[in-house]
Amino acid sequence: MKSILMKETTREEREEIIKASLDCGGGCEICSSCWLGGGSPWDIYQDYIDGRKELKDINAEYMERYRQNRQIK
């Protein structure tokens, strides 16, 4: 598997990584990111695509907001 780290990928590769990871087959209109109030998945991962933040950091921040002090692991 190829690295997904920003320093080892181009912007185009990061776009493809996000596109491939969001392709659940259900279509964006039923993406859990949207119906949970998280917003557009493309907006959520724009900092990764632009090379400003690693995926793991974006995902951790999103989960922290989603949990909102609930007992979710």
N, C-alpha and C. Protein backbone atom coordinates (compact mmCIF):
# COMPACT_ATOMS: atom_id res chain seq x y z
N MET A 1 0.84 -1.18 0.00
CA MET A 1 0.00 0.00 0.00
C MET A 1 0.88 1.25 0.00
N LYS A 2 0.53 2.19 -0.82
CA LYS A 2 1.27 3.44 -0.90
C LYS A 2 0.94 4.32 0.31
N SER A 3 1.89 5.10 0.72
CA SER A 3 1.70 6.01 1.84
C SER A 3 0.62 7.04 1.53
N ILE A 4 -0.08 7.47 2.59
CA ILE A 4 -1.07 8.53 2.45
C ILE A 4 -0.60 9.83 3.12
N LEU A 5 0.62 9.83 3.62
CA LEU A 5 1.15 11.03 4.27
C LEU A 5 1.30 12.16 3.27
N MET A 6 1.06 13.36 3.72
CA MET A 6 1.13 14.53 2.84
C MET A 6 2.50 14.67 2.19
N LYS A 7 3.55 14.46 2.96
CA LYS A 7 4.90 14.65 2.42
C LYS A 7 5.26 13.63 1.35
N GLU A 8 4.49 12.54 1.27
CA GLU A 8 4.78 11.49 0.30
C GLU A 8 3.74 11.38 -0.81
N THR A 9 2.85 12.38 -0.89
CA THR A 9 1.82 12.38 -1.92
C THR A 9 1.71 13.75 -2.57
N THR A 10 1.19 13.76 -3.78
CA THR A 10 0.90 15.02 -4.46
C THR A 10 -0.55 15.40 -4.17
N ARG A 11 -0.90 16.62 -4.49
CA ARG A 11 -2.28 17.07 -4.32
C ARG A 11 -3.24 16.15 -5.09
N GLU A 12 -2.87 15.80 -6.31
CA GLU A 12 -3.73 14.94 -7.13
C GLU A 12 -3.90 13.57 -6.49
N GLU A 13 -2.82 13.04 -5.92
CA GLU A 13 -2.92 11.74 -5.24
C GLU A 13 -3.82 11.83 -4.01
N ARG A 14 -3.72 12.95 -3.27
CA ARG A 14 -4.56 13.13 -2.09
C ARG A 14 -6.03 13.24 -2.49
N GLU A 15 -6.31 13.91 -3.59
CA GLU A 15 -7.69 13.98 -4.08
C GLU A 15 -8.22 12.58 -4.40
N GLU A 16 -7.40 11.77 -5.03
CA GLU A 16 -7.80 10.40 -5.36
C GLU A 16 -7.98 9.55 -4.11
N ILE A 17 -7.13 9.75 -3.11
CA ILE A 17 -7.26 9.02 -1.85
C ILE A 17 -8.61 9.33 -1.21
N ILE A 18 -8.96 10.60 -1.15
CA ILE A 18 -10.24 11.00 -0.57
C ILE A 18 -11.39 10.46 -1.42
N LYS A 19 -11.29 10.62 -2.70
CA LYS A 19 -12.35 10.14 -3.59
C LYS A 19 -12.58 8.64 -3.41
N ALA A 20 -11.50 7.88 -3.37
CA ALA A 20 -11.61 6.42 -3.21
C ALA A 20 -12.17 6.05 -1.85
N SER A 21 -11.78 6.79 -0.82
CA SER A 21 -12.24 6.46 0.53
C SER A 21 -13.70 6.83 0.74
N LEU A 22 -14.21 7.79 -0.02
CA LEU A 22 -15.60 8.20 0.11
C LEU A 22 -16.53 7.42 -0.79
N ASP A 23 -16.00 6.60 -1.65
CA ASP A 23 -16.81 5.86 -2.60
C ASP A 23 -17.38 4.60 -1.96
N CYS A 24 -18.46 4.79 -1.21
CA CYS A 24 -19.08 3.66 -0.53
C CYS A 24 -20.12 2.98 -1.41
N GLY A 25 -20.43 3.61 -2.54
CA GLY A 25 -21.42 3.05 -3.44
C GLY A 25 -22.82 3.56 -3.16
N GLY A 26 -22.98 4.26 -2.05
CA GLY A 26 -24.31 4.75 -1.69
C GLY A 26 -24.61 6.14 -2.20
N GLY A 27 -23.61 6.84 -2.64
CA GLY A 27 -23.82 8.20 -3.11
C GLY A 27 -23.66 9.21 -1.99
N CYS A 28 -23.23 10.39 -2.34
CA CYS A 28 -22.96 11.43 -1.33
C CYS A 28 -24.22 11.85 -0.56
N GLU A 29 -25.39 11.71 -1.17
CA GLU A 29 -26.60 12.18 -0.49
C GLU A 29 -26.90 11.40 0.79
N ILE A 30 -26.30 10.22 0.96
CA ILE A 30 -26.53 9.48 2.20
C ILE A 30 -25.22 9.25 2.96
N CYS A 31 -24.25 10.06 2.72
CA CYS A 31 -22.96 9.93 3.41
C CYS A 31 -23.14 10.24 4.90
N SER A 32 -22.57 9.43 5.77
CA SER A 32 -22.71 9.64 7.21
C SER A 32 -22.14 10.99 7.64
N SER A 33 -21.19 11.49 6.90
CA SER A 33 -20.62 12.79 7.25
C SER A 33 -21.68 13.88 7.16
N CYS A 34 -22.53 13.79 6.17
CA CYS A 34 -23.56 14.81 5.96
C CYS A 34 -24.75 14.64 6.91
N TRP A 35 -25.28 13.44 7.00
CA TRP A 35 -26.50 13.27 7.80
C TRP A 35 -26.25 13.37 9.29
N LEU A 36 -24.99 13.29 9.70
CA LEU A 36 -24.67 13.51 11.10
C LEU A 36 -24.39 14.98 11.39
N GLY A 37 -24.53 15.80 10.38
CA GLY A 37 -24.31 17.23 10.57
C GLY A 37 -22.87 17.66 10.43
N GLY A 38 -22.03 16.78 9.92
CA GLY A 38 -20.61 17.10 9.79
C GLY A 38 -20.31 17.99 8.61
N GLY A 39 -21.22 18.05 7.68
CA GLY A 39 -21.00 18.87 6.49
C GLY A 39 -20.50 18.04 5.34
N SER A 40 -20.12 18.71 4.29
CA SER A 40 -19.64 18.04 3.09
C SER A 40 -18.34 17.30 3.37
N PRO A 41 -18.27 16.03 2.95
CA PRO A 41 -17.02 15.29 3.14
C PRO A 41 -15.85 15.97 2.44
N TRP A 42 -16.11 16.61 1.31
CA TRP A 42 -15.04 17.30 0.59
C TRP A 42 -14.53 18.48 1.39
N ASP A 43 -15.43 19.19 2.06
CA ASP A 43 -15.01 20.31 2.91
C ASP A 43 -14.21 19.82 4.11
N ILE A 44 -14.64 18.71 4.69
CA ILE A 44 -13.96 18.16 5.86
C ILE A 44 -12.50 17.82 5.53
N TYR A 45 -12.27 17.26 4.36
CA TYR A 45 -10.93 16.79 4.00
C TYR A 45 -10.14 17.77 3.12
N GLN A 46 -10.65 18.98 2.94
CA GLN A 46 -9.96 19.95 2.09
C GLN A 46 -8.56 20.29 2.61
N ASP A 47 -8.40 20.38 3.93
CA ASP A 47 -7.07 20.69 4.48
C ASP A 47 -6.06 19.59 4.15
N TYR A 48 -6.51 18.35 4.09
CA TYR A 48 -5.62 17.26 3.68
C TYR A 48 -5.27 17.39 2.21
N ILE A 49 -6.28 17.59 1.39
CA ILE A 49 -6.05 17.73 -0.05
C ILE A 49 -5.08 18.87 -0.33
N ASP A 50 -5.25 19.98 0.38
CA ASP A 50 -4.39 21.15 0.19
C ASP A 50 -3.02 21.01 0.86
N GLY A 51 -2.80 19.94 1.62
CA GLY A 51 -1.51 19.72 2.25
C GLY A 51 -1.29 20.48 3.54
N ARG A 52 -2.38 20.81 4.24
CA ARG A 52 -2.26 21.56 5.49
C ARG A 52 -2.39 20.70 6.74
N LYS A 53 -3.09 19.55 6.62
CA LYS A 53 -3.33 18.69 7.79
C LYS A 53 -3.35 17.23 7.37
N GLU A 54 -2.81 16.37 8.20
CA GLU A 54 -2.83 14.94 7.92
C GLU A 54 -4.23 14.37 8.15
N LEU A 55 -4.53 13.30 7.44
CA LEU A 55 -5.83 12.64 7.58
C LEU A 55 -6.13 12.24 9.02
N LYS A 56 -5.14 11.67 9.68
CA LYS A 56 -5.37 11.20 11.05
C LYS A 56 -5.78 12.34 11.98
N ASP A 57 -5.24 13.53 11.76
CA ASP A 57 -5.58 14.68 12.59
C ASP A 57 -7.00 15.16 12.29
N ILE A 58 -7.37 15.20 11.03
CA ILE A 58 -8.73 15.61 10.65
C ILE A 58 -9.74 14.62 11.21
N ASN A 59 -9.46 13.33 11.07
CA ASN A 59 -10.38 12.32 11.58
C ASN A 59 -10.52 12.40 13.10
N ALA A 60 -9.42 12.63 13.80
CA ALA A 60 -9.47 12.74 15.26
C ALA A 60 -10.29 13.96 15.68
N GLU A 61 -10.11 15.08 15.02
CA GLU A 61 -10.88 16.29 15.33
C GLU A 61 -12.36 16.07 15.06
N TYR A 62 -12.67 15.43 13.95
CA TYR A 62 -14.07 15.18 13.60
C TYR A 62 -14.72 14.27 14.65
N MET A 63 -14.03 13.20 15.03
CA MET A 63 -14.58 12.28 16.02
C MET A 63 -14.77 12.96 17.37
N GLU A 64 -13.86 13.84 17.72
CA GLU A 64 -13.99 14.56 18.98
C GLU A 64 -15.24 15.45 18.96
N ARG A 65 -15.49 16.11 17.85
CA ARG A 65 -16.69 16.94 17.72
C ARG A 65 -17.94 16.07 17.72
N TYR A 66 -17.88 14.92 17.03
CA TYR A 66 -19.03 14.03 16.93
C TYR A 66 -19.40 13.44 18.29
N ARG A 67 -18.41 13.04 19.04
CA ARG A 67 -18.67 12.42 20.34
C ARG A 67 -19.33 13.38 21.31
N GLN A 68 -18.92 14.62 21.30
CA GLN A 68 -19.49 15.67 22.16
C GLN A 68 -19.70 15.18 23.58
N ASN A 69 -18.66 14.64 24.18
CA ASN A 69 -18.65 14.17 25.56
C ASN A 69 -19.58 12.98 25.81
N ARG A 70 -20.04 12.32 24.76
CA ARG A 70 -20.82 11.09 24.93
C ARG A 70 -19.87 9.94 25.19
N GLN A 71 -20.35 8.85 25.67
CA GLN A 71 -19.54 7.68 25.98
C GLN A 71 -19.34 6.81 24.74
N ILE A 72 -18.89 7.40 23.65
CA ILE A 72 -18.66 6.69 22.40
C ILE A 72 -17.17 6.42 22.26
N LYS A 73 -16.81 5.19 21.97
CA LYS A 73 -15.39 4.85 21.82
C LYS A 73 -15.03 4.69 20.38
